[in-house]
Structures are given as C-alpha cells and as structure tokens.
Amino acid sequence: MATYFKPQGIPMRELEIVELTIEEMEAYRLKYILDLEQIQAAEKMQTSQSTYQRILSAAHKKIADALINGKAIKIINRQD
C-alpha cells in the first residue's frame, strides 16, 4: 500500500517522488500533531531519543524537499 501527496494540477508521471517511511511519518505526527516532547515521542516509538531525533530530522528534510521543489511524497513501509 502506498499513499501519495502531490502538487495539484501536475500529473504524477511528471513529478519526482520523495519516499517518506511510515516511521518518519509517525515521528512527525508525534511531534507536530500530538505536540509530544522528544523523550515522550521516543518512548511511544520504542526507540532512543537520539534515534527518534534522527528519524524526525530525515522526515523534515524529505518533506521540505517535496514542498520547496514541487515533488510528490510517497509514504512507504520500510520493507517495501
């Protein structure tokens, strides 16, 4: 299963795709939707605070790249 978010009015075949893992999406959700601090979010994800920060940083970079450069975002399972 893949979920895509893309700029309106541009066909998918014309877009570059940034792949965001479910893990990265979850880290982003915990921080910006649930407003959790890093320690709480890391506990929810059952990982260390430093690993959580690395995952969140990767999500930031990918989301910014897609928004600034007009790319599609594909949410994937890491196993895909």
C-alpha atoms as a PDB file:
ATOM      1  CA  MET A   1       0.000   0.000   0.000  1.00  0.00           C
ATOM      2  CA  ALA A   2       1.295   3.440  -0.900  1.00  0.00           C
ATOM      3  CA  THR A   3      -0.176   6.828  -0.214  1.00  0.00           C
ATOM      4  CA  TYR A   4       0.816   9.800  -2.318  1.00  0.00           C
ATOM      5  CA  PHE A   5       0.598  13.543  -1.785  1.00  0.00           C
ATOM      6  CA  LYS A   6       1.423  15.693  -4.776  1.00  0.00           C
ATOM      7  CA  PRO A   7       1.201  19.215  -6.117  1.00  0.00           C
ATOM      8  CA  GLN A   8      -2.207  19.898  -7.626  1.00  0.00           C
ATOM      9  CA  GLY A   9      -2.529  20.030 -11.387  1.00  0.00           C
ATOM     10  CA  ILE A  10       0.699  18.196 -12.240  1.00  0.00           C
ATOM     11  CA  PRO A  11       0.450  14.590 -13.472  1.00  0.00           C
ATOM     12  CA  MET A  12       2.353  12.041 -11.367  1.00  0.00           C
ATOM     13  CA  ARG A  13       4.388  10.975 -14.389  1.00  0.00           C
ATOM     14  CA  GLU A  14       5.932  14.459 -14.482  1.00  0.00           C
ATOM     15  CA  LEU A  15       6.911  14.559 -10.795  1.00  0.00           C
ATOM     16  CA  GLU A  16       9.937  13.390  -8.886  1.00  0.00           C
ATOM     17  CA  ILE A  17       8.981  11.341  -5.827  1.00  0.00           C
ATOM     18  CA  VAL A  18      10.309  11.645  -2.287  1.00  0.00           C
ATOM     19  CA  GLU A  19       9.784   8.472  -0.237  1.00  0.00           C
ATOM     20  CA  LEU A  20       8.756   9.017   3.384  1.00  0.00           C
ATOM     21  CA  THR A  21       8.670   5.929   5.594  1.00  0.00           C
ATOM     22  CA  ILE A  22       5.787   5.204   7.926  1.00  0.00           C
ATOM     23  CA  GLU A  23       8.316   5.512  10.765  1.00  0.00           C
ATOM     24  CA  GLU A  24       9.263   9.029   9.635  1.00  0.00           C
ATOM     25  CA  MET A  25       5.598   9.965   9.278  1.00  0.00           C
ATOM     26  CA  GLU A  26       4.889   8.688  12.793  1.00  0.00           C
ATOM     27  CA  ALA A  27       7.794  10.695  14.258  1.00  0.00           C
ATOM     28  CA  TYR A  28       6.461  13.809  12.510  1.00  0.00           C
ATOM     29  CA  ARG A  29       2.908  13.131  13.753  1.00  0.00           C
ATOM     30  CA  LEU A  30       4.005  12.666  17.352  1.00  0.00           C
ATOM     31  CA  LYS A  31       5.923  15.951  17.321  1.00  0.00           C
ATOM     32  CA  TYR A  32       3.617  18.219  15.324  1.00  0.00           C
ATOM     33  CA  ILE A  33       0.141  16.752  15.735  1.00  0.00           C
ATOM     34  CA  LEU A  34       0.333  15.424  19.296  1.00  0.00           C
ATOM     35  CA  ASP A  35       2.899  18.036  20.440  1.00  0.00           C
ATOM     36  CA  LEU A  36       4.998  15.483  22.309  1.00  0.00           C
ATOM     37  CA  GLU A  37       8.491  16.248  23.536  1.00  0.00           C
ATOM     38  CA  GLN A  38      11.329  14.137  22.113  1.00  0.00           C
ATOM     39  CA  ILE A  39      11.592  11.902  25.170  1.00  0.00           C
ATOM     40  CA  GLN A  40       7.855  11.123  25.126  1.00  0.00           C
ATOM     41  CA  ALA A  41       7.805  10.576  21.363  1.00  0.00           C
ATOM     42  CA  ALA A  42      10.842   8.287  21.536  1.00  0.00           C
ATOM     43  CA  GLU A  43       9.126   6.228  24.237  1.00  0.00           C
ATOM     44  CA  LYS A  44       5.970   5.925  22.105  1.00  0.00           C
ATOM     45  CA  MET A  45       8.103   4.729  19.189  1.00  0.00           C
ATOM     46  CA  GLN A  46      10.061   2.416  21.492  1.00  0.00           C
ATOM     47  CA  THR A  47      13.399   3.880  20.471  1.00  0.00           C
ATOM     48  CA  SER A  48      16.135   6.045  21.943  1.00  0.00           C
ATOM     49  CA  GLN A  49      15.856   9.809  21.928  1.00  0.00           C
ATOM     50  CA  SER A  50      18.824  10.106  19.552  1.00  0.00           C
ATOM     51  CA  THR A  51      17.270   7.624  17.108  1.00  0.00           C
ATOM     52  CA  TYR A  52      13.947   9.479  17.296  1.00  0.00           C
ATOM     53  CA  GLN A  53      15.757  12.749  16.515  1.00  0.00           C
ATOM     54  CA  ARG A  54      17.480  11.143  13.518  1.00  0.00           C
ATOM     55  CA  ILE A  55      14.145   9.833  12.188  1.00  0.00           C
ATOM     56  CA  LEU A  56      12.438  13.220  12.689  1.00  0.00           C
ATOM     57  CA  SER A  57      15.319  15.042  11.011  1.00  0.00           C
ATOM     58  CA  ALA A  58      15.074  12.744   7.983  1.00  0.00           C
ATOM     59  CA  ALA A  59      11.319  13.451   7.798  1.00  0.00           C
ATOM     60  CA  HIS A  60      11.927  17.216   7.942  1.00  0.00           C
ATOM     61  CA  LYS A  61      14.442  17.074   5.111  1.00  0.00           C
ATOM     62  CA  LYS A  62      12.227  14.960   2.866  1.00  0.00           C
ATOM     63  CA  ILE A  63       9.054  16.999   3.482  1.00  0.00           C
ATOM     64  CA  ALA A  64      10.917  20.278   2.906  1.00  0.00           C
ATOM     65  CA  ASP A  65      12.433  18.919  -0.333  1.00  0.00           C
ATOM     66  CA  ALA A  66       8.991  17.930  -1.616  1.00  0.00           C
ATOM     67  CA  LEU A  67       7.341  21.237  -0.680  1.00  0.00           C
ATOM     68  CA  ILE A  68      10.115  23.538  -1.863  1.00  0.00           C
ATOM     69  CA  ASN A  69      10.924  21.642  -5.060  1.00  0.00           C
ATOM     70  CA  GLY A  70       7.387  20.607  -6.039  1.00  0.00           C
ATOM     71  CA  LYS A  71       7.852  16.856  -5.643  1.00  0.00           C
ATOM     72  CA  ALA A  72       5.330  14.159  -4.763  1.00  0.00           C
ATOM     73  CA  ILE A  73       5.550  12.407  -1.393  1.00  0.00           C
ATOM     74  CA  LYS A  74       5.099   8.626  -1.328  1.00  0.00           C
ATOM     75  CA  ILE A  75       4.521   7.093   2.113  1.00  0.00           C
ATOM     76  CA  ILE A  76       6.019   3.611   2.215  1.00  0.00           C
ATOM     77  CA  ASN A  77       6.620   0.708   4.552  1.00  0.00           C
ATOM     78  CA  ARG A  78      10.334   0.287   5.137  1.00  0.00           C
ATOM     79  CA  GLN A  79      10.019  -3.351   3.978  1.00  0.00           C
ATOM     80  CA  ASP A  80       8.771  -2.233   0.519  1.00  0.00           C
END
